[in-house]
């Protein structure tokens, strides 16, 4: 395959991925915002989330800021901010804030250095735990522990499950195609010799 064709083909193989914006700031308070599609859950106790950073062959202001300050935010992308979120992937100079360049708003909680995206409907503040180098291709696996979560409480179901569709959260496939979603069902915890049952979306304690 031609290289450009191969890149797009390989990037599409992993299927639907989450679309998130990582918000960081340098020690000099230069804000940075970058879209990523590699966020994964690593554990609930302690609450850990990880994502992949590209090799050093490109500028990595996001990782440099995280390593400098030890904190960052992950912000869900919804259908209303898709174009602005996608634009953050452009190669802006370090002194240019992607927040300002794309029209998104940087806000902060007192005592937390990294900015979150005000327009996002679910933002997570994280403290850096570890940056693990993947030697085979030069990428870095960034692991953080959740410090706070900001979202619409109406989207949080009675059992703690978050209804992402109620927030308008989108998915991405490949490098540039964005998708809205439609849930099929929630199923009960799988046990041997027992068929799973459907869980009402509003949660098991709901009267809905």
C-alpha atoms as a PDB file:
ATOM      1  CA  UNK A   1       0.000   0.000   0.000  1.00  0.00           C
ATOM      2  CA  UNK A   2       1.006   3.608  -0.420  1.00  0.00           C
ATOM      3  CA  UNK A   3       1.966   5.038   2.968  1.00  0.00           C
ATOM      4  CA  UNK A   4      -0.994   7.449   3.263  1.00  0.00           C
ATOM      5  CA  UNK A   5      -3.438   4.681   2.314  1.00  0.00           C
ATOM      6  CA  UNK A   6      -1.824   2.271   4.766  1.00  0.00           C
ATOM      7  CA  UNK A   7      -1.972   4.758   7.661  1.00  0.00           C
ATOM      8  CA  UNK A   8      -5.691   5.341   7.181  1.00  0.00           C
ATOM      9  CA  UNK A   9      -6.372   1.613   6.761  1.00  0.00           C
ATOM     10  CA  UNK A  10      -4.459   0.577   9.906  1.00  0.00           C
ATOM     11  CA  UNK A  11      -5.955   3.392  11.978  1.00  0.00           C
ATOM     12  CA  UNK A  12      -9.460   2.199  11.086  1.00  0.00           C
ATOM     13  CA  UNK A  13      -8.898  -1.430  12.123  1.00  0.00           C
ATOM     14  CA  UNK A  14      -9.385  -0.883  15.859  1.00  0.00           C
ATOM     15  CA  UNK A  15     -12.980   0.232  15.344  1.00  0.00           C
ATOM     16  CA  UNK A  16     -14.852   2.908  17.269  1.00  0.00           C
ATOM     17  CA  UNK A  17     -12.790   4.832  19.823  1.00  0.00           C
ATOM     18  CA  UNK A  18     -13.536   7.565  22.327  1.00  0.00           C
ATOM     19  CA  UNK A  19     -12.912  11.164  21.291  1.00  0.00           C
ATOM     20  CA  UNK A  20     -11.326  13.251  24.041  1.00  0.00           C
ATOM     21  CA  UNK A  21      -9.465  16.505  24.494  1.00  0.00           C
ATOM     22  CA  UNK A  22      -6.456  16.573  26.826  1.00  0.00           C
ATOM     23  CA  UNK A  23      -6.027  19.913  28.547  1.00  0.00           C
ATOM     24  CA  UNK A  24      -2.624  20.905  29.948  1.00  0.00           C
ATOM     25  CA  UNK A  25      -0.639  23.963  30.898  1.00  0.00           C
ATOM     26  CA  UNK A  26       3.093  24.592  31.230  1.00  0.00           C
ATOM     27  CA  UNK A  27       4.734  26.025  34.322  1.00  0.00           C
ATOM     28  CA  UNK A  28       4.625  29.368  32.505  1.00  0.00           C
ATOM     29  CA  UNK A  29       0.834  28.969  32.157  1.00  0.00           C
ATOM     30  CA  UNK A  30       0.874  28.341  28.405  1.00  0.00           C
ATOM     31  CA  UNK A  31      -2.334  26.360  27.852  1.00  0.00           C
ATOM     32  CA  UNK A  32      -2.460  23.450  25.428  1.00  0.00           C
ATOM     33  CA  UNK A  33      -5.311  21.318  24.114  1.00  0.00           C
ATOM     34  CA  UNK A  34      -5.002  18.154  22.020  1.00  0.00           C
ATOM     35  CA  UNK A  35      -7.515  15.644  20.677  1.00  0.00           C
ATOM     36  CA  UNK A  36      -6.750  11.963  21.306  1.00  0.00           C
ATOM     37  CA  UNK A  37      -8.577   8.698  20.621  1.00  0.00           C
ATOM     38  CA  UNK A  38      -6.659   6.260  22.816  1.00  0.00           C
ATOM     39  CA  UNK A  39      -8.133   6.773  26.298  1.00  0.00           C
ATOM     40  CA  UNK A  40      -8.734   3.516  28.199  1.00  0.00           C
ATOM     41  CA  UNK A  41      -9.942   2.490  31.653  1.00  0.00           C
ATOM     42  CA  UNK A  42      -7.189   0.861  33.732  1.00  0.00           C
ATOM     43  CA  UNK A  43      -8.850   0.323  37.105  1.00  0.00           C
ATOM     44  CA  UNK A  44     -11.503   1.575  39.503  1.00  0.00           C
ATOM     45  CA  UNK A  45      -9.636   1.382  42.818  1.00  0.00           C
ATOM     46  CA  UNK A  46      -7.415   3.303  42.529  1.00  0.00           C
ATOM     47  CA  UNK A  47      -9.251   5.054  39.668  1.00  0.00           C
ATOM     48  CA  UNK A  48      -6.781   5.000  36.773  1.00  0.00           C
ATOM     49  CA  UNK A  49      -7.045   6.071  33.133  1.00  0.00           C
ATOM     50  CA  UNK A  50      -4.386   5.737  30.443  1.00  0.00           C
ATOM     51  CA  UNK A  51      -3.754   7.040  26.948  1.00  0.00           C
ATOM     52  CA  UNK A  52      -1.064   6.789  24.270  1.00  0.00           C
ATOM     53  CA  UNK A  53       1.201   9.640  23.150  1.00  0.00           C
ATOM     54  CA  UNK A  54       2.897   9.632  19.748  1.00  0.00           C
ATOM     55  CA  UNK A  55       6.686   9.235  19.324  1.00  0.00           C
ATOM     56  CA  UNK A  56       9.212  12.075  19.732  1.00  0.00           C
ATOM     57  CA  UNK A  57       9.315  12.521  15.953  1.00  0.00           C
ATOM     58  CA  UNK A  58       6.680  15.266  16.446  1.00  0.00           C
ATOM     59  CA  UNK A  59       6.366  18.062  19.030  1.00  0.00           C
ATOM     60  CA  UNK A  60       4.668  16.782  22.152  1.00  0.00           C
ATOM     61  CA  UNK A  61       3.657  19.840  24.126  1.00  0.00           C
ATOM     62  CA  UNK A  62       0.947  17.835  25.887  1.00  0.00           C
ATOM     63  CA  UNK A  63       3.323  15.260  27.361  1.00  0.00           C
ATOM     64  CA  UNK A  64       5.940  17.887  28.227  1.00  0.00           C
ATOM     65  CA  UNK A  65       3.336  19.893  30.149  1.00  0.00           C
ATOM     66  CA  UNK A  66       2.071  16.793  31.967  1.00  0.00           C
ATOM     67  CA  UNK A  67       5.585  15.833  33.024  1.00  0.00           C
ATOM     68  CA  UNK A  68       6.324  19.430  34.113  1.00  0.00           C
ATOM     69  CA  UNK A  69       3.221  19.952  36.238  1.00  0.00           C
ATOM     70  CA  UNK A  70       1.988  16.450  37.048  1.00  0.00           C
ATOM     71  CA  UNK A  71      -1.662  17.197  36.222  1.00  0.00           C
ATOM     72  CA  UNK A  72      -3.963  17.280  33.195  1.00  0.00           C
ATOM     73  CA  UNK A  73      -7.602  16.974  32.180  1.00  0.00           C
ATOM     74  CA  UNK A  74      -9.483  14.661  29.843  1.00  0.00           C
ATOM     75  CA  UNK A  75     -12.626  16.150  28.295  1.00  0.00           C
ATOM     76  CA  UNK A  76     -15.298  14.285  26.326  1.00  0.00           C
ATOM     77  CA  UNK A  77     -16.064  15.602  22.848  1.00  0.00           C
ATOM     78  CA  UNK A  78     -19.740  16.035  21.984  1.00  0.00           C
ATOM     79  CA  UNK A  79     -21.421  16.741  18.663  1.00  0.00           C
ATOM     80  CA  UNK A  80     -21.532  20.492  19.261  1.00  0.00           C
ATOM     81  CA  UNK A  81     -17.743  20.888  19.486  1.00  0.00           C
ATOM     82  CA  UNK A  82     -16.516  18.269  16.985  1.00  0.00           C
ATOM     83  CA  UNK A  83     -15.018  20.723  14.480  1.00  0.00           C
ATOM     84  CA  UNK A  84     -13.250  22.748  17.149  1.00  0.00           C
ATOM     85  CA  UNK A  85     -11.957  19.574  18.798  1.00  0.00           C
ATOM     86  CA  UNK A  86     -10.653  18.213  15.498  1.00  0.00           C
ATOM     87  CA  UNK A  87      -8.898  21.511  14.771  1.00  0.00           C
ATOM     88  CA  UNK A  88      -6.737  21.095  17.895  1.00  0.00           C
ATOM     89  CA  UNK A  89      -4.781  18.444  15.958  1.00  0.00           C
ATOM     90  CA  UNK A  90      -3.259  21.214  13.802  1.00  0.00           C
ATOM     91  CA  UNK A  91       0.416  21.906  14.520  1.00  0.00           C
ATOM     92  CA  UNK A  92       0.222  25.187  16.397  1.00  0.00           C
ATOM     93  CA  UNK A  93       3.347  26.776  17.864  1.00  0.00           C
ATOM     94  CA  UNK A  94       3.977  26.253  21.579  1.00  0.00           C
ATOM     95  CA  UNK A  95       3.051  29.850  22.422  1.00  0.00           C
ATOM     96  CA  UNK A  96      -0.318  29.491  20.655  1.00  0.00           C
ATOM     97  CA  UNK A  97      -3.136  28.168  22.801  1.00  0.00           C
ATOM     98  CA  UNK A  98      -5.409  25.696  21.014  1.00  0.00           C
ATOM     99  CA  UNK A  99      -8.208  26.943  23.261  1.00  0.00           C
ATOM    100  CA  UNK A 100      -7.912  30.419  21.760  1.00  0.00           C
ATOM    101  CA  UNK A 101      -7.254  29.188  18.213  1.00  0.00           C
ATOM    102  CA  UNK A 102     -10.383  26.988  18.148  1.00  0.00           C
ATOM    103  CA  UNK A 103     -12.771  29.113  20.194  1.00  0.00           C
ATOM    104  CA  UNK A 104     -12.982  26.700  23.122  1.00  0.00           C
ATOM    105  CA  UNK A 105     -12.914  28.005  26.689  1.00  0.00           C
ATOM    106  CA  UNK A 106     -10.233  27.134  29.249  1.00  0.00           C
ATOM    107  CA  UNK A 107     -11.471  27.076  32.847  1.00  0.00           C
ATOM    108  CA  UNK A 108      -9.878  25.847  36.069  1.00  0.00           C
ATOM    109  CA  UNK A 109     -10.730  24.653  39.520  1.00  0.00           C
ATOM    110  CA  UNK A 110      -8.858  26.426  42.315  1.00  0.00           C
ATOM    111  CA  UNK A 111      -5.655  24.622  43.165  1.00  0.00           C
ATOM    112  CA  UNK A 112      -5.605  22.515  39.988  1.00  0.00           C
ATOM    113  CA  UNK A 113      -3.111  23.813  37.420  1.00  0.00           C
ATOM    114  CA  UNK A 114      -4.487  22.166  34.265  1.00  0.00           C
ATOM    115  CA  UNK A 115      -7.451  23.725  32.415  1.00  0.00           C
ATOM    116  CA  UNK A 116     -10.599  21.882  31.443  1.00  0.00           C
ATOM    117  CA  UNK A 117     -12.835  22.555  28.427  1.00  0.00           C
ATOM    118  CA  UNK A 118     -15.840  24.549  29.615  1.00  0.00           C
ATOM    119  CA  UNK A 119     -17.911  23.418  26.623  1.00  0.00           C
ATOM    120  CA  UNK A 120     -17.331  19.721  27.353  1.00  0.00           C
ATOM    121  CA  UNK A 121     -20.123  17.943  29.224  1.00  0.00           C
ATOM    122  CA  UNK A 122     -17.768  15.575  31.034  1.00  0.00           C
ATOM    123  CA  UNK A 123     -14.315  16.589  32.240  1.00  0.00           C
ATOM    124  CA  UNK A 124     -11.870  14.605  34.368  1.00  0.00           C
ATOM    125  CA  UNK A 125      -8.955  15.984  36.367  1.00  0.00           C
ATOM    126  CA  UNK A 126      -6.000  13.623  36.679  1.00  0.00           C
ATOM    127  CA  UNK A 127      -2.692  13.432  38.533  1.00  0.00           C
ATOM    128  CA  UNK A 128       0.172  11.793  36.673  1.00  0.00           C
ATOM    129  CA  UNK A 129       1.113   8.365  38.029  1.00  0.00           C
ATOM    130  CA  UNK A 130       3.481   6.993  35.409  1.00  0.00           C
ATOM    131  CA  UNK A 131       4.740   7.436  31.860  1.00  0.00           C
ATOM    132  CA  UNK A 132       5.645   4.011  30.476  1.00  0.00           C
ATOM    133  CA  UNK A 133       7.762   3.896  27.330  1.00  0.00           C
ATOM    134  CA  UNK A 134       6.770   1.421  24.633  1.00  0.00           C
ATOM    135  CA  UNK A 135      10.132   0.742  23.066  1.00  0.00           C
ATOM    136  CA  UNK A 136       8.873  -1.112  20.000  1.00  0.00           C
ATOM    137  CA  UNK A 137       7.443   2.012  18.343  1.00  0.00           C
ATOM    138  CA  UNK A 138       8.579   4.894  20.535  1.00  0.00           C
ATOM    139  CA  UNK A 139       5.156   5.779  21.934  1.00  0.00           C
ATOM    140  CA  UNK A 140       4.467   6.613  25.583  1.00  0.00           C
ATOM    141  CA  UNK A 141       1.660   5.244  27.756  1.00  0.00           C
ATOM    142  CA  UNK A 142       0.498   7.980  30.128  1.00  0.00           C
ATOM    143  CA  UNK A 143      -1.239   6.758  33.291  1.00  0.00           C
ATOM    144  CA  UNK A 144      -3.152   9.101  35.582  1.00  0.00           C
ATOM    145  CA  UNK A 145      -5.245   8.846  38.733  1.00  0.00           C
ATOM    146  CA  UNK A 146      -8.629  10.597  38.757  1.00  0.00           C
ATOM    147  CA  UNK A 147      -8.815  13.561  41.140  1.00  0.00           C
ATOM    148  CA  UNK A 148     -12.200  14.987  40.222  1.00  0.00           C
ATOM    149  CA  UNK A 149     -15.026  14.632  37.694  1.00  0.00           C
ATOM    150  CA  UNK A 150     -17.236  17.404  36.355  1.00  0.00           C
ATOM    151  CA  UNK A 151     -20.460  16.408  34.571  1.00  0.00           C
ATOM    152  CA  UNK A 152     -24.235  16.805  34.491  1.00  0.00           C
ATOM    153  CA  UNK A 153     -25.592  14.821  37.435  1.00  0.00           C
ATOM    154  CA  UNK A 154     -28.740  14.045  35.432  1.00  0.00           C
ATOM    155  CA  UNK A 155     -26.638  11.748  33.221  1.00  0.00           C
ATOM    156  CA  UNK A 156     -25.447   9.681  36.193  1.00  0.00           C
ATOM    157  CA  UNK A 157     -27.788   6.735  36.761  1.00  0.00           C
ATOM    158  CA  UNK A 158     -28.810   5.337  40.144  1.00  0.00           C
ATOM    159  CA  UNK A 159     -26.152   2.621  40.030  1.00  0.00           C
ATOM    160  CA  UNK A 160     -23.363   5.036  39.044  1.00  0.00           C
ATOM    161  CA  UNK A 161     -23.477   4.257  35.316  1.00  0.00           C
ATOM    162  CA  UNK A 162     -22.997   7.363  33.130  1.00  0.00           C
ATOM    163  CA  UNK A 163     -25.374   7.709  30.180  1.00  0.00           C
ATOM    164  CA  UNK A 164     -22.939   9.045  27.597  1.00  0.00           C
ATOM    165  CA  UNK A 165     -25.651   9.440  24.968  1.00  0.00           C
ATOM    166  CA  UNK A 166     -27.459  11.870  27.262  1.00  0.00           C
ATOM    167  CA  UNK A 167     -24.270  13.953  27.182  1.00  0.00           C
ATOM    168  CA  UNK A 168     -23.973  13.730  23.395  1.00  0.00           C
ATOM    169  CA  UNK A 169     -20.506  12.141  23.633  1.00  0.00           C
ATOM    170  CA  UNK A 170     -19.202  11.116  20.206  1.00  0.00           C
ATOM    171  CA  UNK A 171     -16.901   8.352  18.982  1.00  0.00           C
ATOM    172  CA  UNK A 172     -14.207   8.447  16.314  1.00  0.00           C
ATOM    173  CA  UNK A 173     -12.996   5.891  13.788  1.00  0.00           C
ATOM    174  CA  UNK A 174      -9.732   6.160  11.935  1.00  0.00           C
ATOM    175  CA  UNK A 175      -8.249   9.629  12.206  1.00  0.00           C
ATOM    176  CA  UNK A 176     -11.075  11.837  11.052  1.00  0.00           C
ATOM    177  CA  UNK A 177     -14.560  10.267  11.064  1.00  0.00           C
ATOM    178  CA  UNK A 178     -16.830  11.131  13.990  1.00  0.00           C
ATOM    179  CA  UNK A 179     -19.942   9.234  15.063  1.00  0.00           C
ATOM    180  CA  UNK A 180     -22.950   9.664  17.283  1.00  0.00           C
ATOM    181  CA  UNK A 181     -24.128   6.499  19.027  1.00  0.00           C
ATOM    182  CA  UNK A 182     -27.316   4.616  19.767  1.00  0.00           C
ATOM    183  CA  UNK A 183     -27.289   2.187  22.681  1.00  0.00           C
ATOM    184  CA  UNK A 184     -28.535  -1.365  22.253  1.00  0.00           C
ATOM    185  CA  UNK A 185     -28.843  -2.501  25.869  1.00  0.00           C
ATOM    186  CA  UNK A 186     -27.161  -2.921  29.240  1.00  0.00           C
ATOM    187  CA  UNK A 187     -26.746  -6.494  30.429  1.00  0.00           C
ATOM    188  CA  UNK A 188     -26.357  -7.987  33.903  1.00  0.00           C
ATOM    189  CA  UNK A 189     -23.057  -9.363  35.229  1.00  0.00           C
ATOM    190  CA  UNK A 190     -22.226 -12.547  33.350  1.00  0.00           C
ATOM    191  CA  UNK A 191     -22.309 -15.797  35.363  1.00  0.00           C
ATOM    192  CA  UNK A 192     -21.835 -19.417  34.281  1.00  0.00           C
ATOM    193  CA  UNK A 193     -25.038 -21.245  33.263  1.00  0.00           C
ATOM    194  CA  UNK A 194     -27.158 -18.111  33.533  1.00  0.00           C
ATOM    195  CA  UNK A 195     -28.311 -15.893  30.703  1.00  0.00           C
ATOM    196  CA  UNK A 196     -27.721 -12.180  31.207  1.00  0.00           C
ATOM    197  CA  UNK A 197     -30.770 -10.004  31.733  1.00  0.00           C
ATOM    198  CA  UNK A 198     -31.288  -6.446  30.551  1.00  0.00           C
ATOM    199  CA  UNK A 199     -30.678  -3.602  32.984  1.00  0.00           C
ATOM    200  CA  UNK A 200     -33.005  -0.577  32.691  1.00  0.00           C
ATOM    201  CA  UNK A 201     -31.020   2.423  31.499  1.00  0.00           C
ATOM    202  CA  UNK A 202     -32.226   4.571  34.399  1.00  0.00           C
ATOM    203  CA  UNK A 203     -30.648   2.128  36.877  1.00  0.00           C
ATOM    204  CA  UNK A 204     -31.881  -0.784  39.014  1.00  0.00           C
ATOM    205  CA  UNK A 205     -33.343   1.414  41.764  1.00  0.00           C
ATOM    206  CA  UNK A 206     -35.341   3.625  39.430  1.00  0.00           C
ATOM    207  CA  UNK A 207     -39.113   3.785  39.312  1.00  0.00           C
ATOM    208  CA  UNK A 208     -38.993   4.755  35.593  1.00  0.00           C
END
